[in-house]
Structures are given as C-alpha cells and as structure tokens.
N, C-alpha and C. Protein backbone atom coordinates (compact mmCIF):
# COMPACT_ATOMS: atom_id res chain seq x y z
N MET A 1 -26.16 -4.05 2.71
CA MET A 1 -26.56 -4.84 1.52
C MET A 1 -27.13 -5.60 1.25
N SER A 2 -28.27 -5.68 0.53
CA SER A 2 -29.22 -6.75 -0.19
C SER A 2 -28.65 -7.99 -0.91
N ILE A 3 -28.86 -8.81 -0.20
CA ILE A 3 -28.52 -10.08 -0.27
C ILE A 3 -29.61 -11.03 -1.01
N PRO A 4 -29.16 -11.86 -2.81
CA PRO A 4 -30.38 -11.62 -3.45
C PRO A 4 -30.60 -12.63 -2.95
N THR A 5 -31.91 -13.20 -2.93
CA THR A 5 -33.04 -14.12 -1.86
C THR A 5 -32.16 -15.76 -1.79
N LYS A 6 -31.94 -16.13 -3.10
CA LYS A 6 -31.70 -17.67 -3.51
C LYS A 6 -30.52 -18.04 -2.31
N ILE A 7 -29.58 -16.61 -2.68
CA ILE A 7 -28.18 -16.63 -1.43
C ILE A 7 -28.45 -16.60 0.07
N GLU A 8 -29.72 -15.95 0.13
CA GLU A 8 -29.69 -15.95 1.51
C GLU A 8 -30.07 -17.10 1.95
N GLU A 9 -30.50 -17.66 1.34
CA GLU A 9 -31.28 -19.15 2.08
C GLU A 9 -30.56 -19.96 2.58
N LYS A 10 -29.13 -20.22 1.48
CA LYS A 10 -28.33 -20.96 1.52
C LYS A 10 -27.16 -20.59 2.47
N VAL A 11 -26.95 -19.50 2.79
CA VAL A 11 -25.73 -19.05 3.79
C VAL A 11 -27.27 -18.59 4.83
N THR A 12 -28.40 -18.92 5.34
CA THR A 12 -28.65 -18.71 6.52
C THR A 12 -28.52 -20.70 6.83
N GLU A 13 -29.05 -20.99 5.63
CA GLU A 13 -29.05 -22.99 6.13
C GLU A 13 -27.40 -23.11 6.69
N LEU A 14 -26.43 -22.45 5.84
CA LEU A 14 -24.81 -23.30 6.15
C LEU A 14 -25.02 -22.99 8.17
N LEU A 15 -24.89 -21.14 8.24
CA LEU A 15 -25.24 -20.76 9.14
C LEU A 15 -25.64 -21.21 10.56
N GLY A 16 -26.61 -21.93 10.44
CA GLY A 16 -27.23 -22.70 11.51
C GLY A 16 -26.82 -23.94 11.25
N SER A 17 -26.59 -24.59 10.52
CA SER A 17 -25.54 -25.91 10.48
C SER A 17 -24.56 -26.03 11.22
N ILE A 18 -23.41 -24.92 11.05
CA ILE A 18 -22.41 -25.07 11.22
C ILE A 18 -22.34 -24.62 13.15
N ASN A 19 -23.89 -22.97 13.20
CA ASN A 19 -24.14 -22.90 14.79
C ASN A 19 -24.13 -24.01 15.65
N GLN A 20 -24.87 -24.71 15.27
CA GLN A 20 -25.69 -25.68 15.90
C GLN A 20 -24.39 -26.90 16.34
N ASN A 21 -23.22 -26.65 15.94
CA ASN A 21 -22.36 -27.76 16.59
C ASN A 21 -21.14 -26.84 17.31
N LEU A 22 -21.66 -25.46 17.20
CA LEU A 22 -20.41 -24.97 17.92
C LEU A 22 -20.82 -24.66 19.98
N PRO A 23 -19.85 -24.61 20.37
CA PRO A 23 -20.24 -23.99 21.84
C PRO A 23 -21.24 -22.95 21.92
N ALA A 24 -21.99 -23.36 23.46
CA ALA A 24 -23.04 -22.25 23.62
C ALA A 24 -22.71 -20.91 23.29
N ASN A 25 -21.72 -20.36 23.37
CA ASN A 25 -21.43 -18.97 23.63
C ASN A 25 -20.66 -18.90 22.13
N MET A 26 -20.60 -19.09 21.50
CA MET A 26 -20.01 -18.97 19.71
C MET A 26 -21.19 -19.21 18.74
N GLU A 27 -20.80 -18.22 18.24
CA GLU A 27 -22.31 -17.58 16.60
C GLU A 27 -21.17 -17.10 15.73
N LEU A 28 -21.31 -17.84 14.60
CA LEU A 28 -20.95 -17.62 13.08
C LEU A 28 -22.01 -16.71 12.99
N GLU A 29 -21.58 -15.39 12.20
CA GLU A 29 -22.42 -14.59 11.20
C GLU A 29 -22.10 -13.98 10.41
N LEU A 30 -23.14 -13.48 9.50
CA LEU A 30 -22.56 -12.82 8.39
C LEU A 30 -22.15 -12.13 7.85
N GLU A 31 -21.00 -11.91 7.92
CA GLU A 31 -20.68 -10.13 7.94
C GLU A 31 -20.95 -9.34 6.75
N GLY A 32 -21.38 -10.06 5.50
CA GLY A 32 -21.35 -9.50 4.58
C GLY A 32 -21.47 -10.58 3.07
N TYR A 33 -22.23 -10.06 2.08
CA TYR A 33 -22.18 -10.54 0.86
C TYR A 33 -21.51 -9.28 -0.71
N TYR A 34 -20.71 -10.40 -1.10
CA TYR A 34 -19.71 -9.67 -2.21
C TYR A 34 -19.26 -10.43 -3.08
N ASP A 35 -19.35 -9.40 -4.25
CA ASP A 35 -19.19 -10.07 -5.66
C ASP A 35 -18.26 -10.63 -5.91
N ARG A 36 -16.83 -10.55 -5.30
CA ARG A 36 -15.67 -10.71 -5.76
C ARG A 36 -14.96 -10.73 -4.88
N GLY A 37 -13.04 -11.31 -4.66
CA GLY A 37 -12.61 -10.83 -3.48
C GLY A 37 -11.52 -11.64 -3.62
N PHE A 38 -10.90 -11.56 -2.35
CA PHE A 38 -9.32 -11.99 -2.48
C PHE A 38 -8.45 -12.24 -1.30
N PHE A 39 -7.54 -12.58 -1.06
CA PHE A 39 -7.46 -13.42 0.58
C PHE A 39 -5.88 -13.16 0.48
N VAL A 40 -5.18 -12.35 1.59
CA VAL A 40 -3.87 -12.66 1.62
C VAL A 40 -3.36 -13.41 2.80
N THR A 41 -4.33 -13.33 3.77
CA THR A 41 -4.33 -14.27 4.89
C THR A 41 -5.39 -13.89 5.40
N LYS A 42 -5.62 -15.07 6.76
CA LYS A 42 -7.15 -14.77 6.96
C LYS A 42 -7.72 -13.20 7.49
N LYS A 43 -6.44 -12.55 8.25
CA LYS A 43 -7.27 -11.29 8.39
C LYS A 43 -7.15 -9.73 7.39
N ARG A 44 -5.94 -10.38 6.36
CA ARG A 44 -5.91 -9.13 5.42
C ARG A 44 -6.88 -9.92 4.61
N TYR A 45 -6.98 -9.20 3.82
CA TYR A 45 -8.12 -9.11 2.31
C TYR A 45 -8.75 -8.25 1.56
N ALA A 46 -9.60 -8.26 0.61
CA ALA A 46 -10.41 -7.24 -0.16
C ALA A 46 -11.51 -7.57 -0.68
N VAL A 47 -12.66 -7.13 -0.86
CA VAL A 47 -13.70 -7.59 -1.54
C VAL A 47 -14.62 -6.47 -2.12
N ILE A 48 -15.06 -6.96 -2.96
CA ILE A 48 -16.02 -5.29 -3.86
C ILE A 48 -17.06 -5.87 -3.49
N TYR A 49 -18.59 -4.90 -3.53
CA TYR A 49 -19.84 -4.97 -3.57
C TYR A 49 -20.43 -3.40 -4.68
N ASP A 50 -21.31 -3.81 -5.96
CA ASP A 50 -21.67 -2.89 -6.03
C ASP A 50 -20.98 -1.18 -6.61
N GLY A 51 -19.72 -2.19 -6.74
CA GLY A 51 -18.32 -1.09 -7.17
C GLY A 51 -17.37 -0.10 -6.39
N GLU A 52 -17.83 -1.04 -4.83
CA GLU A 52 -17.42 -0.66 -3.45
C GLU A 52 -16.02 -1.68 -2.79
N ILE A 53 -15.25 -0.73 -3.02
CA ILE A 53 -14.18 -1.52 -2.35
C ILE A 53 -14.03 -1.86 -0.58
N THR A 54 -13.84 -3.25 -0.39
CA THR A 54 -13.77 -3.13 1.12
C THR A 54 -12.42 -4.04 1.25
N VAL A 55 -11.64 -2.94 2.55
CA VAL A 55 -10.01 -3.88 2.60
C VAL A 55 -10.00 -4.15 4.02
N LYS A 56 -9.56 -5.07 3.86
CA LYS A 56 -9.20 -5.27 6.24
C LYS A 56 -7.47 -5.82 6.18
N GLY A 57 -6.68 -4.84 6.80
CA GLY A 57 -5.35 -5.75 6.91
C GLY A 57 -4.61 -4.97 5.73
N LEU A 58 -5.20 -4.09 4.50
CA LEU A 58 -4.20 -3.88 3.74
C LEU A 58 -4.24 -1.69 3.51
N GLU A 59 -4.31 -1.23 4.22
CA GLU A 59 -4.75 -0.14 3.57
C GLU A 59 -3.89 0.03 4.29
N LEU A 60 -3.31 1.58 3.71
CA LEU A 60 -2.21 2.22 3.28
C LEU A 60 -2.46 3.56 3.87
N VAL A 61 -3.26 3.72 5.57
CA VAL A 61 -2.95 4.86 5.82
C VAL A 61 -2.24 5.77 6.88
N ARG A 62 -1.20 5.06 6.50
CA ARG A 62 -0.15 5.93 7.20
C ARG A 62 1.03 7.22 6.56
N ARG A 63 1.32 8.55 7.15
CA ARG A 63 1.78 9.28 6.39
C ARG A 63 3.09 8.86 6.16
N ASP A 64 3.42 8.04 6.57
CA ASP A 64 5.01 7.49 5.79
C ASP A 64 5.19 6.93 4.54
N TRP A 65 4.05 7.04 3.69
CA TRP A 65 3.71 5.87 2.75
C TRP A 65 2.96 7.59 1.51
N ALA A 66 4.54 7.28 0.63
CA ALA A 66 3.96 8.18 -0.58
C ALA A 66 2.64 7.92 -1.15
N PRO A 67 2.18 8.81 -2.30
CA PRO A 67 0.71 8.99 -2.54
C PRO A 67 1.13 8.35 -3.56
N VAL A 68 2.71 7.63 -4.34
CA VAL A 68 3.00 6.97 -5.76
C VAL A 68 2.22 5.05 -4.85
N ALA A 69 2.95 5.12 -3.63
CA ALA A 69 2.37 3.96 -2.97
C ALA A 69 0.80 3.52 -3.06
N LYS A 70 0.46 4.39 -2.56
CA LYS A 70 -1.12 4.58 -2.26
C LYS A 70 -1.45 4.07 -3.43
N ASP A 71 -1.43 5.10 -4.25
CA ASP A 71 -2.25 5.01 -5.89
C ASP A 71 -2.24 4.25 -6.45
N THR A 72 -1.36 3.23 -5.87
CA THR A 72 -0.55 1.88 -6.72
C THR A 72 -1.24 0.98 -6.59
N GLN A 73 -1.40 0.80 -4.82
CA GLN A 73 -1.91 -0.10 -4.22
C GLN A 73 -3.40 -0.30 -4.48
N HIS A 74 -4.69 0.70 -5.09
CA HIS A 74 -5.59 1.46 -5.24
C HIS A 74 -5.81 0.66 -6.61
N LYS A 75 -4.79 0.65 -7.09
CA LYS A 75 -5.53 0.44 -8.59
C LYS A 75 -5.39 -1.09 -8.88
N VAL A 76 -4.45 -1.49 -8.37
CA VAL A 76 -4.02 -2.94 -8.77
C VAL A 76 -5.09 -3.53 -7.60
N LEU A 77 -5.92 -3.02 -6.75
CA LEU A 77 -6.59 -3.82 -6.04
C LEU A 77 -8.18 -3.72 -6.81
N THR A 78 -8.78 -2.55 -7.65
CA THR A 78 -9.09 -1.97 -8.56
C THR A 78 -9.14 -3.19 -9.47
N ALA A 79 -8.36 -3.33 -10.30
CA ALA A 79 -7.68 -4.57 -11.33
C ALA A 79 -7.93 -6.03 -10.52
N LEU A 80 -8.19 -5.90 -9.70
CA LEU A 80 -8.19 -7.52 -9.57
C LEU A 80 -10.04 -7.67 -8.87
N LEU A 81 -10.36 -6.60 -7.85
CA LEU A 81 -12.07 -6.51 -8.02
C LEU A 81 -12.39 -6.43 -8.49
N GLU A 82 -12.71 -4.88 -9.89
CA GLU A 82 -13.59 -4.32 -10.43
C GLU A 82 -13.13 -5.43 -11.64
N ASP A 83 -12.09 -5.54 -12.58
CA ASP A 83 -11.71 -6.15 -13.62
C ASP A 83 -11.35 -7.36 -13.79
N ALA A 84 -10.93 -8.29 -12.40
CA ALA A 84 -10.70 -9.82 -12.07
C ALA A 84 -9.56 -9.91 -13.21
N SER A 85 -9.18 -8.72 -13.16
CA SER A 85 -7.64 -8.97 -14.34
C SER A 85 -6.11 -9.45 -13.66
N PRO A 86 -5.74 -10.39 -12.93
CA PRO A 86 -4.19 -9.91 -12.47
C PRO A 86 -2.62 -9.70 -13.11
N LYS A 87 -3.31 -9.87 -14.25
CA LYS A 87 -2.59 -9.63 -15.83
C LYS A 87 -2.25 -7.80 -15.42
N LYS A 88 -3.77 -7.57 -15.48
CA LYS A 88 -3.41 -5.84 -15.19
C LYS A 88 -2.86 -4.83 -14.08
N ALA A 89 -3.40 -6.10 -13.11
CA ALA A 89 -3.17 -5.61 -11.67
C ALA A 89 -1.26 -5.38 -11.81
N LYS A 90 -0.31 -6.90 -12.84
CA LYS A 90 0.66 -6.62 -12.31
C LYS A 90 1.04 -5.91 -13.54
N LYS A 91 0.50 -5.59 -14.96
CA LYS A 91 1.18 -4.64 -15.47
C LYS A 91 1.02 -3.28 -14.80
N ILE A 92 -0.16 -2.93 -14.18
CA ILE A 92 0.18 -1.60 -13.36
C ILE A 92 1.42 -0.99 -12.31
N VAL A 93 1.80 -2.42 -11.59
CA VAL A 93 2.73 -1.83 -10.66
C VAL A 93 4.55 -1.82 -11.64
N ASN A 94 4.16 -2.74 -12.93
CA ASN A 94 5.67 -2.96 -13.96
C ASN A 94 5.65 -1.06 -14.14
N GLN A 95 4.33 -0.70 -14.72
CA GLN A 95 4.37 0.59 -16.10
C GLN A 95 4.69 1.91 -14.34
N ILE A 96 4.21 1.24 -13.34
CA ILE A 96 5.08 2.91 -12.53
C ILE A 96 5.83 2.46 -12.00
N ILE A 97 6.89 1.14 -11.88
CA ILE A 97 7.90 1.21 -11.79
C ILE A 97 9.02 1.24 -12.56
N ASP A 98 8.61 1.65 -14.17
CA ASP A 98 9.55 1.80 -15.54
C ASP A 98 9.48 3.53 -14.85
N LYS A 99 8.07 4.33 -14.63
CA LYS A 99 8.18 5.24 -14.42
C LYS A 99 9.23 6.15 -13.80
N LEU A 100 9.23 5.10 -12.33
CA LEU A 100 9.77 5.57 -11.12
C LEU A 100 11.38 5.24 -11.95
N LYS A 101 11.94 3.89 -12.58
CA LYS A 101 13.21 4.54 -13.03
C LYS A 101 13.49 5.77 -14.32
N LYS A 102 12.91 5.48 -14.73
CA LYS A 102 13.26 6.99 -15.90
C LYS A 102 12.90 8.37 -15.07
N GLY A 103 12.78 8.97 -14.25
CA GLY A 103 12.14 9.55 -13.49
C GLY A 103 11.19 10.24 -13.88
N LYS A 104 10.16 9.82 -14.30
CA LYS A 104 8.61 10.34 -14.43
C LYS A 104 7.84 10.11 -13.78
N VAL A 105 8.11 10.57 -12.46
CA VAL A 105 7.00 10.23 -11.97
C VAL A 105 6.63 12.28 -10.98
N PRO A 106 5.29 12.54 -10.68
CA PRO A 106 5.91 13.58 -10.23
C PRO A 106 6.42 14.09 -8.73
N ILE A 107 7.09 15.09 -8.32
CA ILE A 107 7.36 15.22 -6.90
C ILE A 107 6.64 14.37 -5.87
N GLU A 108 5.31 15.45 -6.32
CA GLU A 108 4.27 15.69 -5.28
C GLU A 108 3.64 13.99 -5.08
N ASP A 109 3.97 13.41 -6.17
CA ASP A 109 3.66 11.76 -5.47
C ASP A 109 4.62 11.19 -4.97
N LEU A 110 5.36 11.52 -4.30
CA LEU A 110 7.11 11.15 -3.83
C LEU A 110 6.98 11.42 -2.14
N ILE A 111 5.97 12.70 -1.45
CA ILE A 111 5.99 13.63 -0.92
C ILE A 111 6.15 12.44 0.27
N ILE A 112 6.48 12.05 1.30
CA ILE A 112 6.71 11.26 2.53
C ILE A 112 6.42 12.58 3.44
N HIS A 113 5.19 12.04 4.22
CA HIS A 113 4.44 13.15 5.69
C HIS A 113 4.82 12.07 7.05
N THR A 114 5.66 12.38 7.74
CA THR A 114 5.58 12.12 9.14
C THR A 114 5.90 13.06 9.68
N LYS A 115 4.85 12.55 11.18
CA LYS A 115 5.15 13.33 12.16
C LYS A 115 6.10 13.79 12.81
N LEU A 116 6.57 14.95 13.79
CA LEU A 116 7.88 14.47 14.66
C LEU A 116 7.14 14.49 16.41
N THR A 117 7.54 13.54 16.65
CA THR A 117 6.73 13.30 17.53
C THR A 117 7.37 13.96 19.20
N LYS A 118 8.91 14.29 18.77
CA LYS A 118 10.07 15.55 19.79
C LYS A 118 10.33 15.94 19.25
N LYS A 119 11.21 16.66 19.95
CA LYS A 119 12.41 17.43 18.66
C LYS A 119 13.46 16.74 18.40
N PRO A 120 13.74 17.17 17.45
CA PRO A 120 15.07 16.40 16.75
C PRO A 120 15.90 16.16 17.41
N GLU A 121 16.47 16.84 18.44
CA GLU A 121 17.71 16.98 18.86
C GLU A 121 17.65 15.45 20.40
N ASN A 122 16.06 15.27 20.66
CA ASN A 122 15.81 14.35 21.49
C ASN A 122 15.88 12.82 21.02
N TYR A 123 15.57 12.21 19.42
CA TYR A 123 15.97 11.64 18.85
C TYR A 123 17.32 10.63 18.98
N LYS A 124 17.01 9.29 19.44
CA LYS A 124 18.18 8.62 19.88
C LYS A 124 18.58 8.34 18.20
N GLN A 125 17.46 7.71 17.70
CA GLN A 125 17.31 6.90 16.62
C GLN A 125 17.56 8.10 15.08
N ILE A 126 18.67 8.43 14.75
CA ILE A 126 18.05 9.05 13.13
C ILE A 126 17.03 8.16 12.41
N ALA A 127 16.42 9.49 12.11
CA ALA A 127 14.64 8.65 11.41
C ALA A 127 15.20 10.14 9.71
N PRO A 128 14.76 9.05 9.00
CA PRO A 128 14.84 10.59 7.73
C PRO A 128 13.95 11.88 7.75
N HIS A 129 13.07 11.77 8.40
CA HIS A 129 12.12 13.02 8.42
C HIS A 129 12.80 13.71 9.81
N VAL A 130 13.90 13.16 10.90
CA VAL A 130 14.39 14.04 11.73
C VAL A 130 15.43 14.30 10.93
N ILE A 131 16.34 13.93 10.22
CA ILE A 131 17.47 14.54 9.20
C ILE A 131 16.77 15.89 8.10
N ALA A 132 15.31 15.50 7.98
CA ALA A 132 14.81 16.54 7.31
C ALA A 132 14.64 17.79 7.71
N ALA A 133 14.32 17.56 9.33
CA ALA A 133 13.75 18.59 10.16
C ALA A 133 14.70 19.01 10.38
N GLU A 134 15.74 18.23 10.67
CA GLU A 134 17.47 19.11 11.11
C GLU A 134 17.94 19.93 9.90
N ARG A 135 17.80 19.78 8.74
CA ARG A 135 18.65 20.68 7.64
C ARG A 135 17.02 22.21 7.26
N LEU A 136 16.22 21.93 7.73
CA LEU A 136 14.74 22.19 7.84
C LEU A 136 15.70 24.09 9.25
N ILE A 137 16.00 23.25 10.47
CA ILE A 137 16.52 23.99 11.62
C ILE A 137 17.66 24.68 10.98
N LYS A 138 18.81 24.19 10.26
CA LYS A 138 19.64 25.13 9.56
C LYS A 138 19.40 25.99 9.07
N HIS A 139 18.55 26.10 8.06
CA HIS A 139 18.06 26.88 7.43
C HIS A 139 17.14 27.97 7.77
N GLY A 140 17.42 28.24 9.22
CA GLY A 140 16.44 28.69 9.68
C GLY A 140 14.82 28.45 10.13
N LYS A 141 14.15 27.77 9.93
CA LYS A 141 13.37 27.45 9.91
C LYS A 141 12.44 27.53 11.25
N THR A 142 11.64 27.28 11.80
CA THR A 142 11.26 27.06 12.88
C THR A 142 10.51 25.08 13.32
N VAL A 143 10.91 24.97 14.09
CA VAL A 143 10.38 23.38 13.98
C VAL A 143 10.31 22.77 15.15
N LYS A 144 8.55 22.86 14.94
CA LYS A 144 8.29 21.97 16.68
C LYS A 144 8.13 20.43 17.20
N SER A 145 7.78 19.77 17.34
CA SER A 145 7.31 18.80 18.80
C SER A 145 6.24 18.42 18.01
N GLY A 146 5.55 17.57 17.42
CA GLY A 146 4.32 17.73 16.89
C GLY A 146 3.97 18.04 15.03
N MET A 147 4.86 18.73 14.77
CA MET A 147 4.72 18.90 13.26
C MET A 147 4.59 17.91 12.18
N ILE A 148 4.26 18.07 11.28
CA ILE A 148 4.18 16.98 9.96
C ILE A 148 5.73 17.32 9.18
N ILE A 149 6.87 16.76 9.13
CA ILE A 149 7.46 17.00 8.20
C ILE A 149 7.39 16.48 6.69
N SER A 150 7.12 17.25 5.80
CA SER A 150 7.39 16.15 4.64
C SER A 150 8.60 16.21 3.69
N TYR A 151 8.87 15.31 3.34
CA TYR A 151 10.64 14.92 2.55
C TYR A 151 10.73 14.28 1.21
N VAL A 152 11.53 14.44 0.60
CA VAL A 152 11.55 13.29 -0.25
C VAL A 152 12.98 12.50 -0.98
N ILE A 153 13.77 11.07 -0.51
CA ILE A 153 14.21 10.34 -0.64
C ILE A 153 15.31 10.71 -1.20
N THR A 154 16.48 11.14 -1.90
CA THR A 154 16.87 12.11 -3.00
C THR A 154 18.17 10.28 -3.39
N LYS A 155 18.71 10.48 -4.70
CA LYS A 155 19.89 10.03 -4.62
C LYS A 155 21.09 10.31 -4.18
N GLY A 156 21.88 9.38 -3.62
CA GLY A 156 23.32 9.34 -3.34
C GLY A 156 23.84 8.00 -2.95
N ARG A 157 25.17 8.07 -2.20
CA ARG A 157 25.55 6.92 -1.70
C ARG A 157 25.44 7.10 0.05
N GLU A 158 25.09 7.68 -0.06
CA GLU A 158 24.61 7.76 1.75
C GLU A 158 23.27 6.58 2.37
N PRO A 159 23.55 6.36 3.67
CA PRO A 159 22.38 6.25 3.92
C PRO A 159 20.86 6.42 3.40
N ILE A 160 19.75 5.66 3.25
CA ILE A 160 18.86 6.46 3.53
C ILE A 160 18.53 8.16 4.37
N SER A 161 18.08 7.57 5.18
CA SER A 161 18.21 8.93 6.56
C SER A 161 18.81 10.01 5.94
N LYS A 162 19.92 9.62 5.45
CA LYS A 162 20.65 10.83 5.30
C LYS A 162 19.79 11.98 3.78
N ARG A 163 19.85 10.89 3.36
CA ARG A 163 18.90 11.54 1.88
C ARG A 163 18.01 12.25 1.90
N ALA A 164 17.51 11.77 2.86
CA ALA A 164 15.79 12.63 2.76
C ALA A 164 15.83 14.19 3.13
N TYR A 165 15.36 15.06 2.37
CA TYR A 165 15.03 16.30 1.76
C TYR A 165 13.88 17.13 2.24
N PRO A 166 13.65 18.21 3.28
CA PRO A 166 12.26 18.65 2.94
C PRO A 166 11.88 18.98 1.75
N VAL A 167 10.54 19.57 1.32
CA VAL A 167 10.39 19.43 -0.09
C VAL A 167 10.39 20.48 -0.07
N GLU A 168 10.89 21.99 0.93
CA GLU A 168 10.94 22.75 0.76
C GLU A 168 11.89 23.42 0.13
N LEU A 169 13.23 22.74 0.61
CA LEU A 169 14.90 22.86 0.37
C LEU A 169 15.43 21.58 -0.86
N LEU A 170 14.24 20.85 -1.35
CA LEU A 170 14.53 19.95 -2.41
C LEU A 170 15.23 20.71 -3.68
N GLY A 171 14.92 21.79 -3.96
CA GLY A 171 15.30 22.23 -5.34
C GLY A 171 15.40 21.26 -5.95
N ASP A 172 16.72 21.13 -7.76
CA ASP A 172 16.94 20.01 -7.87
C ASP A 172 17.57 18.88 -8.03
N LYS A 173 17.46 18.61 -7.06
CA LYS A 173 17.56 17.62 -6.33
C LYS A 173 16.70 16.43 -7.16
N ALA A 174 17.48 14.83 -7.61
CA ALA A 174 16.93 14.03 -8.03
C ALA A 174 16.57 13.06 -7.09
N TYR A 175 15.16 12.15 -7.32
CA TYR A 175 14.60 11.83 -5.97
C TYR A 175 14.75 10.19 -6.19
N ASP A 176 14.93 8.97 -5.24
CA ASP A 176 15.96 8.24 -5.58
C ASP A 176 15.09 7.20 -6.35
N PRO A 177 14.90 6.42 -7.67
CA PRO A 177 13.93 5.26 -8.14
C PRO A 177 14.36 4.55 -7.13
N GLU A 178 15.15 4.02 -6.90
CA GLU A 178 15.48 2.29 -6.13
C GLU A 178 14.47 2.23 -4.76
N TYR A 179 14.85 3.51 -4.05
CA TYR A 179 14.49 3.79 -2.76
C TYR A 179 12.59 3.27 -2.99
N TYR A 180 11.62 4.43 -3.96
CA TYR A 180 10.93 4.20 -3.82
C TYR A 180 9.83 3.03 -4.60
N ILE A 181 11.36 2.66 -5.14
CA ILE A 181 10.62 0.99 -6.26
C ILE A 181 10.26 -0.26 -4.55
N GLN A 182 11.94 -0.23 -4.09
CA GLN A 182 11.89 -1.15 -3.15
C GLN A 182 11.65 -1.10 -1.43
N ASN A 183 11.40 0.28 -1.03
CA ASN A 183 10.60 0.36 0.03
C ASN A 183 9.42 1.03 0.05
N GLN A 184 8.91 1.55 -0.96
CA GLN A 184 7.45 2.02 -1.22
C GLN A 184 6.23 1.18 -1.98
N VAL A 185 6.45 1.40 -3.78
CA VAL A 185 5.83 0.36 -4.45
C VAL A 185 5.77 -1.20 -4.38
N LEU A 186 6.45 -1.61 -3.74
CA LEU A 186 7.21 -3.45 -3.47
C LEU A 186 5.82 -3.68 -2.33
N PRO A 187 6.60 -2.74 -1.69
CA PRO A 187 5.60 -3.95 -0.01
C PRO A 187 4.19 -2.92 -0.11
N ALA A 188 4.02 -2.22 -0.87
CA ALA A 188 3.03 -1.65 -1.00
C ALA A 188 1.55 -2.91 -2.25
N THR A 189 2.46 -3.43 -2.59
CA THR A 189 1.55 -4.38 -3.40
C THR A 189 2.39 -5.42 -4.08
N LEU A 190 3.42 -6.11 -3.28
CA LEU A 190 4.04 -7.33 -3.80
C LEU A 190 3.44 -8.58 -3.28
N ARG A 191 2.90 -8.44 -1.45
CA ARG A 191 1.84 -9.60 -1.07
C ARG A 191 0.95 -9.52 -1.53
N ILE A 192 -0.14 -9.03 -2.33
CA ILE A 192 -1.00 -8.69 -2.49
C ILE A 192 -1.43 -9.51 -3.91
N LEU A 193 -0.13 -9.60 -4.77
CA LEU A 193 0.51 -9.99 -6.31
C LEU A 193 1.28 -11.18 -6.10
N GLU A 194 1.78 -11.59 -4.78
CA GLU A 194 2.04 -12.68 -4.18
C GLU A 194 0.98 -13.80 -3.54
N SER A 195 0.62 -13.10 -3.10
CA SER A 195 -0.99 -14.43 -2.80
C SER A 195 -1.25 -14.72 -4.13
N LEU A 196 -1.25 -14.27 -5.35
CA LEU A 196 -1.78 -14.37 -7.01
C LEU A 196 -0.79 -15.36 -7.47
N GLY A 197 0.12 -15.49 -6.98
CA GLY A 197 1.11 -16.86 -7.38
C GLY A 197 2.69 -15.96 -8.37
N TYR A 198 2.48 -14.69 -8.06
CA TYR A 198 3.37 -13.93 -9.38
C TYR A 198 4.68 -13.69 -7.98
N THR A 199 5.60 -13.79 -7.86
CA THR A 199 7.23 -12.92 -6.93
C THR A 199 7.82 -11.92 -7.73
N GLU A 200 8.41 -11.24 -6.54
CA GLU A 200 9.46 -9.94 -6.69
C GLU A 200 9.96 -10.03 -7.87
N GLU A 201 10.80 -11.15 -8.67
CA GLU A 201 11.35 -11.14 -9.48
C GLU A 201 10.14 -10.77 -10.98
N GLN A 202 9.41 -11.78 -11.11
CA GLN A 202 8.34 -11.78 -12.03
C GLN A 202 8.30 -10.48 -12.54
N ILE A 203 7.75 -9.73 -11.30
CA ILE A 203 7.14 -8.36 -11.52
C ILE A 203 8.06 -7.29 -11.57
N ILE A 204 9.22 -7.20 -10.74
CA ILE A 204 10.40 -6.30 -11.63
C ILE A 204 10.85 -6.00 -12.61
N ASN A 205 10.85 -7.80 -13.06
CA ASN A 205 11.31 -7.79 -14.50
C ASN A 205 10.33 -7.97 -15.86
N ASN A 206 9.06 -7.83 -15.14
CA ASN A 206 7.90 -7.82 -15.68
C ASN A 206 7.83 -9.26 -16.44
N GLU A 207 8.44 -10.31 -15.89
CA GLU A 207 7.78 -11.42 -16.71
C GLU A 207 6.43 -12.01 -16.07
N LYS A 208 6.03 -13.39 -16.89
CA LYS A 208 4.32 -13.66 -17.10
C LYS A 208 4.50 -14.79 -16.08
N GLN A 209 3.20 -14.92 -15.86
CA GLN A 209 2.62 -16.22 -14.60
C GLN A 209 1.78 -17.03 -15.39
N VAL A 210 2.52 -17.67 -16.34
CA VAL A 210 0.91 -18.24 -16.90
C VAL A 210 -0.22 -19.08 -16.21
N SER A 211 0.01 -19.25 -14.84
CA SER A 211 -1.07 -19.71 -14.07
C SER A 211 -2.05 -19.36 -13.69
N LEU A 212 -1.94 -17.76 -13.80
CA LEU A 212 -2.90 -16.94 -13.54
C LEU A 212 -4.03 -16.82 -14.69
N ASP A 213 -3.62 -17.48 -15.51
CA ASP A 213 -4.89 -17.16 -16.69
C ASP A 213 -6.36 -17.07 -16.54
N SER A 214 -6.39 -17.97 -15.37
CA SER A 214 -8.05 -18.50 -15.03
C SER A 214 -8.59 -18.36 -13.58
N PHE A 215 -7.29 -17.47 -13.07
CA PHE A 215 -7.19 -17.06 -11.76
C PHE A 215 -8.87 -16.79 -11.18
N PHE A 216 -9.47 -16.24 -11.88
CA PHE A 216 -11.16 -15.71 -11.58
C PHE A 216 -11.69 -16.60 -12.58
C-alpha cells in the first residue's frame, strides 16, 4: 500500500527513535498504514485501507458458524470501519436479532456445517452434528467419516445437541431463534461491540449508549 509522504517520514522517525532503545536482536517494523481501525485486544483487531478490510483474530472461518453469524459480523465491521458508526453497527445486530425472533431469517442462513471426523458410534461426547448424522443413518443415508454434516438447530425442550436436524430431514420444523441469537450472532459480534462500550443487555434490549457518539 502507498503511504502519504508526510506520514511515512513521521513513522520512519518514530520507528528509528524506538528501535535505537531496543535490544540488538529486536526491531520494530511497520506492518501497514490504514485509514481507520479498532482493537478488541492486542491480537484481535480490524483495520481498513482504501475500502479493503483486514481482520486479525476475529475471523469466522470455522464451518460451525452459520452464515447469519458471519454475515452479521461482516456488516458490523463494515459499519465501524467504512461508516465510522457504532450506532449503525449496533442497529445491524438489533435488526438481525429481531428477524430471528420473528422467524424471518431464511433457513439457508442458519445451516451449520461440521465435519464428521469419525463414525458417529465412535464419538464419546454427543455433539449436534453427530446427532444429525445418526438421524441420516436412521433414514437410510450413507454416512462416512470425513463427511460434512449440514444441520439446523430446531425448537424444543431437549438439549441443543438433540435438536440438531440435517437439512435433508428438516421438513417444516422451526428453527430455535434463541440458539442462533445466544450461540451464533452474539458471540460473533458481542466482543466487538463491547470493546466500544456496549453491553449485552443494551444490544439485546436495543438500549442507547450515549457515550459512543464521538467514538470515531
């Protein structure tokens, strides 16, 4: 990336002054120049330069995160880094929580994909994807180690694992909005919004946080 000359000169001067006081085997280097960014912790942050967002330690790359969680987190990051608007970021989460509660989120956005690392009968701890795999077997489907099991957590009073249904057998069963709020959307966005001063209660209850008006 191209750094403005004046900024580059100041950064070079700063690095030089710091490095001259460091041990001989240590040197501080410039990682990059960004237009805006925020840090959750030292190794968890998001920055933006020329419209391109770079995220460290906050990525949702695991298959066991539903698209609704990944998409919501991306929109939150965009609201913060492109629009510099914590209020907009919070509003995005509020809106998706409302849609989940009203049953208006499409099933394809709620599907969780988890790899079956061994045969279902060899699992000691029964996880949601194992229950979903067992349901496939009971319906005559072939299930092998290494398969990706795609499932949705449905409503019910049983433990979460026992409410996991493979997409193929979902039928007209309703998804569990509380699971997707508490175990997907909030974990994907809460630590970001908490770093800006919001609490879980404020997010869930759509309360205002006046102190963030001039955050950026």
